[in-house]
Amino acid sequence: MEMTTDHLGPLERLLAERACERLITEFIRRLDLGEPGTVADLFTPDGVWEWAHDGRRVEGRDALRAYFGSRPADRLSRRMSTNVLVTVDSPTTATALSYFATYRVDGYTEGIVPARPPANVGHYEDTFRKVGDEWLLAARSLFLPFGGPTERLDVPRRPVS
């Protein structure tokens, strides 16, 4: 007999929802302000990141660490995440839908970059699994209806003396 959410009290449900929301926020923080390769630690060992548009799929923590860790060192990005809707399916599984906009440039060195439109706007569909006492991402699928290339900032040229 599979357990359903009927067996969850309101507090258990709320804690599960909050843990999943926090994973979504931590994913973004690590990409923008932390060590991008550590995003892999937010996934189950067999976790999957996929992009529905072109069939790109990265599976397993080692592959995820390499994929997210390969981000250019001079990339400046800020992601806005909103409209997070978590649905707890059972005591150990949940799903979520969240929207995002990504502001991103390569070639960043320092200072303030003039405002520009986001490079990408889309949504994620997530699947979560509770492993022991910890909620983790089992799968994250990216849907990108608005997107473009990452702009490369002009590198200032120094006069030749």
N, C-alpha and C. Protein backbone atom coordinates (compact mmCIF):
# COMPACT_ATOMS: atom_id res chain seq x y z
N MET A 1 0.84 -1.18 0.00
CA MET A 1 0.00 0.00 0.00
C MET A 1 0.89 1.25 0.00
N GLU A 2 0.73 2.09 -0.98
CA GLU A 2 1.52 3.32 -1.08
C GLU A 2 0.90 4.39 -0.19
N MET A 3 1.81 5.10 0.53
CA MET A 3 1.32 6.17 1.39
C MET A 3 0.99 7.39 0.54
N THR A 4 -0.07 8.05 0.87
CA THR A 4 -0.46 9.26 0.17
C THR A 4 -0.29 10.45 1.10
N THR A 5 -0.56 11.61 0.59
CA THR A 5 -0.45 12.81 1.41
C THR A 5 -1.52 12.86 2.49
N ASP A 6 -2.52 11.98 2.41
CA ASP A 6 -3.54 11.93 3.47
C ASP A 6 -2.90 11.57 4.81
N HIS A 7 -1.73 10.91 4.76
CA HIS A 7 -1.06 10.49 5.97
C HIS A 7 -0.12 11.58 6.51
N LEU A 8 -0.08 12.72 5.85
CA LEU A 8 0.76 13.83 6.29
C LEU A 8 -0.08 14.83 7.06
N GLY A 9 0.42 15.24 8.21
CA GLY A 9 -0.23 16.31 8.94
C GLY A 9 0.14 17.65 8.31
N PRO A 10 -0.55 18.71 8.69
CA PRO A 10 -0.28 20.02 8.10
C PRO A 10 1.17 20.48 8.32
N LEU A 11 1.73 20.20 9.48
CA LEU A 11 3.11 20.61 9.75
C LEU A 11 4.09 19.82 8.89
N GLU A 12 3.89 18.52 8.76
CA GLU A 12 4.76 17.70 7.91
C GLU A 12 4.72 18.18 6.45
N ARG A 13 3.53 18.48 5.99
CA ARG A 13 3.37 18.97 4.62
C ARG A 13 4.09 20.31 4.45
N LEU A 14 3.90 21.21 5.39
CA LEU A 14 4.54 22.52 5.33
C LEU A 14 6.06 22.39 5.35
N LEU A 15 6.59 21.54 6.21
CA LEU A 15 8.05 21.35 6.27
C LEU A 15 8.59 20.77 4.97
N ALA A 16 7.86 19.84 4.36
CA ALA A 16 8.30 19.27 3.09
C ALA A 16 8.28 20.34 1.99
N GLU A 17 7.20 21.12 1.94
CA GLU A 17 7.12 22.20 0.94
C GLU A 17 8.26 23.19 1.11
N ARG A 18 8.54 23.58 2.34
CA ARG A 18 9.60 24.56 2.59
C ARG A 18 10.96 24.00 2.24
N ALA A 19 11.21 22.74 2.53
CA ALA A 19 12.50 22.12 2.19
C ALA A 19 12.70 22.12 0.68
N CYS A 20 11.66 21.84 -0.08
CA CYS A 20 11.76 21.83 -1.54
C CYS A 20 11.94 23.24 -2.09
N GLU A 21 11.21 24.22 -1.54
CA GLU A 21 11.39 25.62 -1.94
C GLU A 21 12.82 26.07 -1.68
N ARG A 22 13.36 25.65 -0.56
CA ARG A 22 14.73 26.03 -0.20
C ARG A 22 15.73 25.43 -1.20
N LEU A 23 15.51 24.23 -1.65
CA LEU A 23 16.40 23.63 -2.66
C LEU A 23 16.41 24.46 -3.94
N ILE A 24 15.25 24.94 -4.36
CA ILE A 24 15.16 25.77 -5.56
C ILE A 24 15.97 27.05 -5.38
N THR A 25 15.84 27.66 -4.22
CA THR A 25 16.57 28.89 -3.93
C THR A 25 18.07 28.63 -3.80
N GLU A 26 18.43 27.55 -3.16
CA GLU A 26 19.85 27.22 -2.98
C GLU A 26 20.51 26.90 -4.32
N PHE A 27 19.80 26.27 -5.22
CA PHE A 27 20.30 25.98 -6.58
C PHE A 27 20.73 27.30 -7.23
N ILE A 28 19.87 28.29 -7.17
CA ILE A 28 20.14 29.60 -7.78
C ILE A 28 21.30 30.29 -7.08
N ARG A 29 21.31 30.27 -5.76
CA ARG A 29 22.39 30.92 -5.02
C ARG A 29 23.75 30.33 -5.38
N ARG A 30 23.82 29.02 -5.45
CA ARG A 30 25.10 28.38 -5.78
C ARG A 30 25.56 28.72 -7.18
N LEU A 31 24.64 28.79 -8.13
CA LEU A 31 25.04 29.14 -9.49
C LEU A 31 25.52 30.59 -9.58
N ASP A 32 24.84 31.50 -8.92
CA ASP A 32 25.15 32.92 -9.04
C ASP A 32 26.24 33.40 -8.08
N LEU A 33 26.24 32.92 -6.86
CA LEU A 33 27.12 33.48 -5.84
C LEU A 33 28.04 32.47 -5.16
N GLY A 34 27.89 31.22 -5.48
CA GLY A 34 28.68 30.19 -4.81
C GLY A 34 29.59 29.48 -5.78
N GLU A 35 29.80 28.23 -5.53
CA GLU A 35 30.58 27.38 -6.40
C GLU A 35 29.60 26.58 -7.26
N PRO A 36 29.51 26.90 -8.56
CA PRO A 36 28.50 26.25 -9.40
C PRO A 36 28.54 24.71 -9.39
N GLY A 37 29.73 24.14 -9.29
CA GLY A 37 29.83 22.68 -9.30
C GLY A 37 29.14 22.03 -8.12
N THR A 38 28.98 22.77 -7.00
CA THR A 38 28.34 22.20 -5.81
C THR A 38 26.83 22.06 -5.97
N VAL A 39 26.27 22.57 -7.06
CA VAL A 39 24.86 22.36 -7.35
C VAL A 39 24.57 20.85 -7.37
N ALA A 40 25.55 20.07 -7.79
CA ALA A 40 25.38 18.61 -7.86
C ALA A 40 24.99 18.01 -6.51
N ASP A 41 25.45 18.61 -5.42
CA ASP A 41 25.17 18.08 -4.09
C ASP A 41 23.70 18.25 -3.68
N LEU A 42 22.95 19.04 -4.43
CA LEU A 42 21.53 19.24 -4.15
C LEU A 42 20.67 18.16 -4.79
N PHE A 43 21.29 17.31 -5.61
CA PHE A 43 20.60 16.24 -6.33
C PHE A 43 20.82 14.89 -5.64
N THR A 44 19.90 13.97 -5.87
CA THR A 44 20.11 12.59 -5.46
C THR A 44 21.31 12.05 -6.25
N PRO A 45 21.94 10.96 -5.78
CA PRO A 45 23.10 10.43 -6.52
C PRO A 45 22.80 10.13 -7.99
N ASP A 46 21.57 9.76 -8.30
CA ASP A 46 21.19 9.47 -9.69
C ASP A 46 20.40 10.63 -10.31
N GLY A 47 20.52 11.81 -9.72
CA GLY A 47 19.75 12.97 -10.16
C GLY A 47 19.98 13.34 -11.62
N VAL A 48 18.97 14.01 -12.21
CA VAL A 48 18.98 14.36 -13.64
C VAL A 48 18.64 15.83 -13.81
N TRP A 49 19.40 16.51 -14.68
CA TRP A 49 19.07 17.84 -15.16
C TRP A 49 18.87 17.71 -16.65
N GLU A 50 17.74 18.22 -17.17
CA GLU A 50 17.51 18.11 -18.61
C GLU A 50 16.87 19.37 -19.15
N TRP A 51 17.12 19.58 -20.43
CA TRP A 51 16.58 20.71 -21.14
C TRP A 51 15.65 20.15 -22.20
N ALA A 52 14.37 20.35 -22.03
CA ALA A 52 13.37 19.74 -22.89
C ALA A 52 13.51 20.14 -24.36
N HIS A 53 13.98 21.37 -24.62
CA HIS A 53 14.06 21.89 -25.98
C HIS A 53 14.96 21.06 -26.90
N ASP A 54 16.15 20.71 -26.43
CA ASP A 54 17.08 20.03 -27.33
C ASP A 54 17.49 18.65 -26.85
N GLY A 55 16.83 18.13 -25.84
CA GLY A 55 17.13 16.78 -25.38
C GLY A 55 18.42 16.66 -24.57
N ARG A 56 19.02 17.79 -24.19
CA ARG A 56 20.23 17.73 -23.37
C ARG A 56 19.87 17.11 -22.04
N ARG A 57 20.71 16.19 -21.56
CA ARG A 57 20.44 15.47 -20.31
C ARG A 57 21.76 15.19 -19.61
N VAL A 58 21.81 15.55 -18.34
CA VAL A 58 23.00 15.29 -17.53
C VAL A 58 22.53 14.46 -16.34
N GLU A 59 23.15 13.31 -16.13
CA GLU A 59 22.66 12.38 -15.11
C GLU A 59 23.78 11.95 -14.18
N GLY A 60 23.49 11.98 -12.88
CA GLY A 60 24.44 11.54 -11.85
C GLY A 60 25.26 12.71 -11.32
N ARG A 61 25.63 12.62 -10.04
CA ARG A 61 26.32 13.73 -9.39
C ARG A 61 27.65 14.10 -10.04
N ASP A 62 28.43 13.11 -10.45
CA ASP A 62 29.73 13.43 -11.07
C ASP A 62 29.52 14.21 -12.36
N ALA A 63 28.60 13.77 -13.18
CA ALA A 63 28.32 14.46 -14.46
C ALA A 63 27.73 15.85 -14.19
N LEU A 64 26.85 15.96 -13.20
CA LEU A 64 26.27 17.27 -12.84
C LEU A 64 27.36 18.22 -12.33
N ARG A 65 28.29 17.70 -11.51
CA ARG A 65 29.37 18.54 -10.98
C ARG A 65 30.23 19.07 -12.14
N ALA A 66 30.54 18.21 -13.09
CA ALA A 66 31.35 18.62 -14.24
C ALA A 66 30.58 19.63 -15.10
N TYR A 67 29.30 19.38 -15.34
CA TYR A 67 28.50 20.26 -16.18
C TYR A 67 28.38 21.66 -15.58
N PHE A 68 27.90 21.74 -14.34
CA PHE A 68 27.71 23.05 -13.73
C PHE A 68 29.04 23.71 -13.37
N GLY A 69 30.05 22.91 -13.09
CA GLY A 69 31.37 23.45 -12.76
C GLY A 69 32.12 24.00 -13.95
N SER A 70 31.65 23.72 -15.18
CA SER A 70 32.33 24.19 -16.38
C SER A 70 31.91 25.60 -16.79
N ARG A 71 31.11 26.22 -15.99
CA ARG A 71 30.66 27.58 -16.26
C ARG A 71 31.87 28.50 -16.36
N PRO A 72 31.88 29.44 -17.32
CA PRO A 72 33.04 30.34 -17.47
C PRO A 72 33.31 31.14 -16.18
N ALA A 73 34.57 31.27 -15.84
CA ALA A 73 34.96 31.97 -14.61
C ALA A 73 34.60 33.45 -14.65
N ASP A 74 34.50 34.03 -15.87
CA ASP A 74 34.20 35.47 -15.98
C ASP A 74 32.71 35.74 -16.23
N ARG A 75 31.87 34.77 -15.92
CA ARG A 75 30.42 34.94 -16.10
C ARG A 75 29.82 35.63 -14.88
N LEU A 76 29.02 36.64 -15.14
CA LEU A 76 28.23 37.32 -14.11
C LEU A 76 26.78 36.96 -14.39
N SER A 77 26.10 36.41 -13.39
CA SER A 77 24.69 36.06 -13.59
C SER A 77 23.90 36.33 -12.32
N ARG A 78 22.64 36.61 -12.54
CA ARG A 78 21.67 36.72 -11.45
C ARG A 78 20.37 36.14 -11.98
N ARG A 79 19.85 35.20 -11.23
CA ARG A 79 18.60 34.55 -11.59
C ARG A 79 17.51 35.00 -10.64
N MET A 80 16.35 35.29 -11.19
CA MET A 80 15.18 35.62 -10.40
C MET A 80 14.25 34.41 -10.49
N SER A 81 13.82 33.90 -9.35
CA SER A 81 12.92 32.76 -9.33
C SER A 81 11.64 33.19 -8.62
N THR A 82 10.51 32.77 -9.17
CA THR A 82 9.23 33.20 -8.61
C THR A 82 8.14 32.16 -8.89
N ASN A 83 6.97 32.41 -8.35
CA ASN A 83 5.80 31.55 -8.58
C ASN A 83 6.13 30.08 -8.31
N VAL A 84 6.78 29.83 -7.18
CA VAL A 84 7.16 28.46 -6.81
C VAL A 84 5.94 27.76 -6.23
N LEU A 85 5.55 26.67 -6.87
CA LEU A 85 4.41 25.89 -6.42
C LEU A 85 4.86 24.45 -6.18
N VAL A 86 4.97 24.07 -4.91
CA VAL A 86 5.39 22.72 -4.54
C VAL A 86 4.15 21.90 -4.22
N THR A 87 4.11 20.68 -4.74
CA THR A 87 3.04 19.74 -4.45
C THR A 87 3.66 18.51 -3.81
N VAL A 88 3.30 18.23 -2.57
CA VAL A 88 3.81 17.06 -1.87
C VAL A 88 2.93 15.87 -2.26
N ASP A 89 3.56 14.88 -2.88
CA ASP A 89 2.82 13.72 -3.38
C ASP A 89 2.74 12.58 -2.37
N SER A 90 3.75 12.47 -1.53
CA SER A 90 3.80 11.43 -0.50
C SER A 90 4.79 11.89 0.56
N PRO A 91 4.97 11.14 1.62
CA PRO A 91 5.95 11.54 2.64
C PRO A 91 7.38 11.63 2.12
N THR A 92 7.67 11.03 0.96
CA THR A 92 9.05 11.04 0.45
C THR A 92 9.17 11.55 -0.99
N THR A 93 8.08 12.05 -1.58
CA THR A 93 8.17 12.57 -2.94
C THR A 93 7.36 13.85 -3.08
N ALA A 94 7.84 14.74 -3.95
CA ALA A 94 7.16 16.00 -4.21
C ALA A 94 7.53 16.47 -5.61
N THR A 95 6.75 17.39 -6.13
CA THR A 95 7.04 18.02 -7.42
C THR A 95 6.90 19.53 -7.24
N ALA A 96 7.46 20.28 -8.20
CA ALA A 96 7.32 21.73 -8.13
C ALA A 96 7.38 22.31 -9.53
N LEU A 97 6.78 23.48 -9.66
CA LEU A 97 6.86 24.30 -10.86
C LEU A 97 7.33 25.67 -10.38
N SER A 98 8.33 26.22 -11.06
CA SER A 98 8.80 27.57 -10.72
C SER A 98 9.22 28.29 -11.99
N TYR A 99 9.03 29.60 -11.99
CA TYR A 99 9.41 30.44 -13.13
C TYR A 99 10.72 31.13 -12.82
N PHE A 100 11.47 31.48 -13.88
CA PHE A 100 12.74 32.17 -13.67
C PHE A 100 13.05 33.12 -14.82
N ALA A 101 13.90 34.08 -14.52
CA ALA A 101 14.51 34.97 -15.52
C ALA A 101 15.99 35.02 -15.18
N THR A 102 16.84 34.89 -16.18
CA THR A 102 18.28 34.90 -15.97
C THR A 102 18.90 36.10 -16.66
N TYR A 103 19.61 36.89 -15.88
CA TYR A 103 20.41 38.00 -16.40
C TYR A 103 21.85 37.50 -16.39
N ARG A 104 22.55 37.60 -17.55
CA ARG A 104 23.85 36.95 -17.64
C ARG A 104 24.72 37.61 -18.69
N VAL A 105 26.01 37.79 -18.36
CA VAL A 105 27.02 38.25 -19.32
C VAL A 105 28.31 37.50 -19.04
N ASP A 106 29.12 37.34 -20.07
CA ASP A 106 30.47 36.81 -19.92
C ASP A 106 31.45 37.96 -20.12
N GLY A 107 32.66 37.78 -19.67
CA GLY A 107 33.67 38.82 -19.80
C GLY A 107 33.64 39.82 -18.67
N TYR A 108 32.96 39.50 -17.58
CA TYR A 108 32.83 40.42 -16.45
C TYR A 108 34.15 40.47 -15.68
N THR A 109 34.56 41.67 -15.30
CA THR A 109 35.75 41.84 -14.47
C THR A 109 35.41 42.51 -13.15
N GLU A 110 34.67 43.63 -13.20
CA GLU A 110 34.28 44.29 -11.95
C GLU A 110 33.28 45.39 -12.25
N GLY A 111 32.73 45.94 -11.18
CA GLY A 111 31.83 47.08 -11.31
C GLY A 111 30.41 46.71 -11.66
N ILE A 112 29.66 47.75 -12.03
CA ILE A 112 28.25 47.60 -12.37
C ILE A 112 28.12 47.48 -13.88
N VAL A 113 27.36 46.50 -14.32
CA VAL A 113 27.09 46.30 -15.74
C VAL A 113 25.79 47.03 -16.07
N PRO A 114 25.75 47.82 -17.14
CA PRO A 114 24.49 48.49 -17.50
C PRO A 114 23.36 47.47 -17.66
N ALA A 115 22.16 47.89 -17.25
CA ALA A 115 20.99 47.01 -17.30
C ALA A 115 20.71 46.56 -18.73
N ARG A 116 20.20 45.35 -18.86
CA ARG A 116 19.85 44.76 -20.15
C ARG A 116 18.71 43.78 -19.93
N PRO A 117 18.06 43.38 -21.00
CA PRO A 117 16.98 42.38 -20.84
C PRO A 117 17.57 41.04 -20.37
N PRO A 118 16.72 40.19 -19.78
CA PRO A 118 17.23 38.87 -19.38
C PRO A 118 17.65 38.05 -20.60
N ALA A 119 18.64 37.19 -20.39
CA ALA A 119 19.10 36.28 -21.45
C ALA A 119 18.10 35.14 -21.65
N ASN A 120 17.45 34.73 -20.57
CA ASN A 120 16.51 33.61 -20.63
C ASN A 120 15.33 33.86 -19.70
N VAL A 121 14.16 33.40 -20.11
CA VAL A 121 12.97 33.40 -19.26
C VAL A 121 12.27 32.07 -19.51
N GLY A 122 11.95 31.37 -18.43
CA GLY A 122 11.30 30.08 -18.61
C GLY A 122 10.78 29.54 -17.29
N HIS A 123 10.65 28.22 -17.25
CA HIS A 123 10.22 27.59 -16.01
C HIS A 123 10.91 26.25 -15.83
N TYR A 124 10.94 25.81 -14.59
CA TYR A 124 11.47 24.49 -14.22
C TYR A 124 10.33 23.62 -13.74
N GLU A 125 10.42 22.35 -14.05
CA GLU A 125 9.56 21.33 -13.46
C GLU A 125 10.49 20.40 -12.69
N ASP A 126 10.29 20.33 -11.38
CA ASP A 126 11.17 19.58 -10.50
C ASP A 126 10.48 18.38 -9.89
N THR A 127 11.28 17.36 -9.63
CA THR A 127 10.85 16.20 -8.86
C THR A 127 11.82 16.07 -7.69
N PHE A 128 11.27 15.91 -6.49
CA PHE A 128 12.08 15.82 -5.29
C PHE A 128 11.88 14.45 -4.65
N ARG A 129 12.92 13.99 -3.96
CA ARG A 129 12.84 12.73 -3.22
C ARG A 129 13.50 12.93 -1.86
N LYS A 130 12.86 12.45 -0.83
CA LYS A 130 13.43 12.53 0.51
C LYS A 130 14.31 11.30 0.71
N VAL A 131 15.59 11.56 1.02
CA VAL A 131 16.56 10.50 1.24
C VAL A 131 17.01 10.62 2.69
N GLY A 132 16.63 9.67 3.52
CA GLY A 132 16.87 9.80 4.95
C GLY A 132 16.04 10.95 5.47
N ASP A 133 16.69 11.95 6.06
CA ASP A 133 15.98 13.12 6.57
C ASP A 133 16.11 14.32 5.65
N GLU A 134 16.69 14.13 4.46
CA GLU A 134 17.01 15.26 3.58
C GLU A 134 16.24 15.19 2.26
N TRP A 135 15.63 16.31 1.89
CA TRP A 135 14.99 16.42 0.59
C TRP A 135 16.04 16.80 -0.44
N LEU A 136 16.01 16.15 -1.61
CA LEU A 136 16.96 16.41 -2.70
C LEU A 136 16.21 16.47 -4.02
N LEU A 137 16.83 17.10 -5.00
CA LEU A 137 16.28 17.10 -6.36
C LEU A 137 16.56 15.75 -7.00
N ALA A 138 15.53 15.10 -7.49
CA ALA A 138 15.71 13.86 -8.24
C ALA A 138 15.80 14.17 -9.73
N ALA A 139 15.06 15.21 -10.17
CA ALA A 139 15.10 15.62 -11.58
C ALA A 139 14.70 17.08 -11.68
N ARG A 140 15.38 17.79 -12.58
CA ARG A 140 15.06 19.20 -12.85
C ARG A 140 15.02 19.36 -14.36
N SER A 141 13.84 19.72 -14.87
CA SER A 141 13.66 19.91 -16.31
C SER A 141 13.45 21.38 -16.60
N LEU A 142 14.21 21.89 -17.56
CA LEU A 142 14.19 23.29 -17.95
C LEU A 142 13.35 23.47 -19.21
N PHE A 143 12.44 24.43 -19.17
CA PHE A 143 11.62 24.79 -20.32
C PHE A 143 11.88 26.26 -20.61
N LEU A 144 12.35 26.54 -21.82
CA LEU A 144 12.85 27.88 -22.14
C LEU A 144 12.16 28.44 -23.37
N PRO A 145 11.00 29.10 -23.19
CA PRO A 145 10.32 29.69 -24.34
C PRO A 145 10.95 31.00 -24.83
N PHE A 146 11.72 31.67 -23.96
CA PHE A 146 12.41 32.91 -24.34
C PHE A 146 13.89 32.73 -24.01
N GLY A 147 14.75 32.85 -25.01
CA GLY A 147 16.17 32.68 -24.74
C GLY A 147 17.03 33.26 -25.83
N GLY A 148 18.26 33.50 -25.48
CA GLY A 148 19.22 34.03 -26.44
C GLY A 148 20.62 33.73 -25.98
N PRO A 149 21.59 34.13 -26.78
CA PRO A 149 22.98 33.86 -26.43
C PRO A 149 23.42 34.72 -25.25
N THR A 150 24.47 34.28 -24.60
CA THR A 150 25.05 35.07 -23.51
C THR A 150 25.93 36.15 -24.12
N GLU A 151 25.62 37.39 -23.79
CA GLU A 151 26.40 38.52 -24.31
C GLU A 151 27.80 38.49 -23.70
N ARG A 152 28.79 38.81 -24.52
CA ARG A 152 30.17 38.92 -24.05
C ARG A 152 30.51 40.40 -23.97
N LEU A 153 30.90 40.86 -22.79
CA LEU A 153 31.26 42.26 -22.62
C LEU A 153 32.56 42.54 -23.37
N ASP A 154 32.67 43.75 -23.90
CA ASP A 154 33.90 44.15 -24.57
C ASP A 154 35.01 44.24 -23.55
N VAL A 155 36.14 43.68 -23.91
CA VAL A 155 37.31 43.76 -23.04
C VAL A 155 37.99 45.09 -23.34
N PRO A 156 38.17 45.93 -22.31
CA PRO A 156 38.80 47.23 -22.57
C PRO A 156 40.22 47.04 -23.10
N ARG A 157 40.52 47.79 -24.14
CA ARG A 157 41.87 47.71 -24.72
C ARG A 157 42.73 48.78 -24.12
N ARG A 158 43.93 48.40 -23.79
CA ARG A 158 44.89 49.35 -23.24
C ARG A 158 45.71 49.92 -24.38
N PRO A 159 45.96 51.21 -24.34
CA PRO A 159 46.77 51.81 -25.40
C PRO A 159 48.18 51.24 -25.40
N VAL A 160 48.70 51.03 -26.59
CA VAL A 160 50.06 50.55 -26.73
C VAL A 160 50.98 51.74 -26.55
N SER A 161 51.98 51.59 -25.67
CA SER A 161 52.88 52.73 -25.47
C SER A 161 54.20 52.56 -26.17
